[in-house]
Amino acid sequence: MKLEENPVYYTSLKEKLEQLIEARRKKMMDIAELVEKLRSMVNDMRNVNQQAQNLGFTREQYPFYQLFQQLLPDEEHKDTIDALTHLVTDMIAEESQVIDWVNKEDVKREMRKKIKKQLRASVIPKDQIENVTQQIMSLAMVHYKR
């Protein structure tokens, strides 16, 4: 399911679609406007890989970037988000070299430990580290499964 691949992006997309449907239902827009907005959403979906590349990320890294961006939406954190995305995804890529790592609790435990250490050293709010670590692990199991 696409939602597992990139929860931030597809949850946002789902919310936008629901808003469009509701606006149309309340007759706040005509069919032509609805079709145009839907067409724009489809084009955005097609360009996700290009958006990732424009920011310097791979398709696999982009959901991590969006997760961090959601947590730290201020523009002042952009460099921090970029660096954190690369650090975490590089670490995951290295740790995920173990065959069938998603089924090995010791490997996942070590990965979680390293992720938490990295998050504690960052500007991620301390009260969100556990939750963010779980989200990162879920993304890792989708994008870095071997």
Protein backbone atom coordinates (compact mmCIF):
# COMPACT_ATOMS: atom_id res chain seq x y z
CA MET A 1 0.00 0.00 0.00
CA LYS A 2 1.30 3.46 -0.91
CA LEU A 3 0.46 4.84 2.53
CA GLU A 4 3.17 2.60 4.05
CA GLU A 5 5.72 3.86 1.53
CA ASN A 6 5.25 7.50 2.45
CA PRO A 7 2.71 8.15 5.22
CA VAL A 8 3.30 11.90 5.36
CA TYR A 9 2.76 12.43 1.64
CA TYR A 10 -0.16 10.07 1.16
CA THR A 11 -1.98 11.16 4.34
CA SER A 12 -1.71 14.74 3.14
CA LEU A 13 -2.90 13.67 -0.31
CA LYS A 14 -5.83 11.78 1.21
CA GLU A 15 -6.82 14.83 3.27
CA LYS A 16 -6.65 17.08 0.20
CA LEU A 17 -8.81 14.66 -1.77
CA GLU A 18 -11.36 14.49 1.04
CA GLN A 19 -11.46 18.31 1.15
CA LEU A 20 -12.05 18.47 -2.59
CA ILE A 21 -14.85 15.92 -2.41
CA GLU A 22 -16.44 17.77 0.49
CA ALA A 23 -16.17 21.13 -1.31
CA ARG A 24 -17.79 19.66 -4.41
CA ARG A 25 -20.50 18.01 -2.32
CA LYS A 26 -21.29 21.39 -0.75
CA LYS A 27 -21.30 22.89 -4.25
CA MET A 28 -18.41 25.19 -3.37
CA MET A 29 -16.78 24.41 -6.74
CA ASP A 30 -17.97 23.35 -10.13
CA ILE A 31 -17.02 20.16 -11.96
CA ALA A 32 -14.42 21.88 -14.15
CA GLU A 33 -12.61 23.26 -11.10
CA LEU A 34 -12.73 19.87 -9.37
CA VAL A 35 -11.32 18.12 -12.45
CA GLU A 36 -8.51 20.69 -12.70
CA LYS A 37 -7.57 20.25 -9.04
CA LEU A 38 -7.65 16.46 -9.41
CA ARG A 39 -5.45 16.70 -12.51
CA SER A 40 -3.00 18.83 -10.53
CA MET A 41 -2.92 16.21 -7.74
CA VAL A 42 -2.21 13.45 -10.28
CA ASN A 43 0.65 15.50 -11.76
CA ASP A 44 2.08 16.03 -8.26
CA MET A 45 1.94 12.29 -7.63
CA ARG A 46 3.76 11.61 -10.88
CA ASN A 47 6.45 14.12 -9.98
CA VAL A 48 7.28 12.85 -6.48
CA ASN A 49 10.50 11.21 -7.69
CA GLN A 50 11.50 14.41 -9.46
CA GLN A 51 10.75 16.44 -6.32
CA ALA A 52 12.98 14.08 -4.35
CA GLN A 53 15.80 14.40 -6.88
CA ASN A 54 15.50 18.19 -6.94
CA LEU A 55 16.09 18.19 -3.18
CA GLY A 56 19.04 15.79 -3.48
CA PHE A 57 17.30 12.63 -2.27
CA THR A 58 16.56 9.23 -3.70
CA ARG A 59 13.03 7.84 -3.89
CA GLU A 60 13.82 5.79 -0.77
CA GLN A 61 15.12 8.77 1.22
CA TYR A 62 12.31 11.17 0.38
CA PRO A 63 9.71 9.77 2.86
CA PHE A 64 12.26 10.18 5.68
CA TYR A 65 12.87 13.77 4.59
CA GLN A 66 9.13 14.47 4.60
CA LEU A 67 8.78 12.92 8.06
CA PHE A 68 11.50 15.20 9.45
CA GLN A 69 10.07 18.17 7.58
CA GLN A 70 6.68 17.54 9.18
CA LEU A 71 8.31 17.53 12.62
CA LEU A 72 10.44 20.62 11.94
CA PRO A 73 8.41 22.74 9.51
CA ASP A 74 10.37 25.96 10.03
CA GLU A 75 12.55 26.98 7.10
CA GLU A 76 15.45 27.53 9.52
CA HIS A 77 15.69 23.74 9.97
CA LYS A 78 16.10 22.91 6.27
CA ASP A 79 19.84 22.18 6.47
CA THR A 80 19.31 20.16 9.63
CA ILE A 81 16.55 18.12 7.99
CA ASP A 82 18.71 17.48 4.92
CA ALA A 83 21.65 16.33 7.03
CA LEU A 84 19.50 14.22 9.35
CA THR A 85 17.80 12.53 6.41
CA HIS A 86 21.14 11.57 4.89
CA LEU A 87 22.60 10.42 8.22
CA VAL A 88 19.62 8.25 9.14
CA THR A 89 19.11 6.73 5.69
CA ASP A 90 22.84 6.03 5.27
CA MET A 91 22.84 4.30 8.64
CA ILE A 92 19.74 2.27 7.70
CA ALA A 93 21.25 1.32 4.34
CA GLU A 94 24.39 0.09 6.10
CA GLU A 95 22.54 -1.83 8.81
CA SER A 96 20.08 -3.33 6.34
CA GLN A 97 22.86 -5.18 4.51
CA VAL A 98 22.15 -8.15 6.78
CA ILE A 99 20.10 -10.69 4.83
CA ASP A 100 16.49 -10.88 6.03
CA TRP A 101 17.15 -8.15 8.61
CA VAL A 102 13.44 -7.31 8.97
CA ASN A 103 12.93 -10.68 10.68
CA LYS A 104 15.98 -10.43 12.97
CA GLU A 105 15.10 -8.72 16.24
CA ASP A 106 18.74 -8.21 17.25
CA VAL A 107 19.47 -6.31 14.02
CA LYS A 108 16.33 -4.20 14.37
CA ARG A 109 17.12 -3.50 18.04
CA GLU A 110 20.62 -2.29 17.12
CA MET A 111 19.18 -0.15 14.31
CA ARG A 112 16.61 1.44 16.66
CA LYS A 113 19.38 2.15 19.17
CA LYS A 114 21.49 3.94 16.54
CA ILE A 115 18.51 5.89 15.23
CA LYS A 116 17.56 7.06 18.73
CA LYS A 117 21.14 8.11 19.40
CA GLN A 118 21.14 10.16 16.19
CA LEU A 119 17.74 11.70 16.96
CA ARG A 120 18.81 12.64 20.50
CA ALA A 121 21.79 14.50 19.03
CA SER A 122 19.48 16.40 16.66
CA VAL A 123 16.82 19.07 17.14
CA ILE A 124 13.97 16.53 17.12
CA PRO A 125 11.86 17.21 20.24
CA LYS A 126 12.92 14.76 22.94
CA ASP A 127 9.33 13.76 23.74
CA GLN A 128 8.86 12.59 20.14
CA ILE A 129 11.98 10.47 19.75
CA GLU A 130 10.29 7.14 20.52
CA ASN A 131 7.41 7.78 18.13
CA VAL A 132 9.70 9.08 15.37
CA THR A 133 11.97 6.06 15.79
CA GLN A 134 9.01 3.73 15.25
CA GLN A 135 7.98 5.66 12.14
CA ILE A 136 11.53 5.52 10.81
CA MET A 137 11.71 1.78 11.42
CA SER A 138 8.40 1.28 9.58
CA LEU A 139 9.71 3.26 6.61
CA ALA A 140 13.01 1.38 6.73
CA MET A 141 11.23 -1.98 6.56
CA VAL A 142 9.37 -0.82 3.44
CA HIS A 143 12.22 0.92 1.60
CA TYR A 144 15.30 -1.02 2.70
CA LYS A 145 13.93 -4.56 2.94
CA ARG A 146 16.27 -7.07 1.32
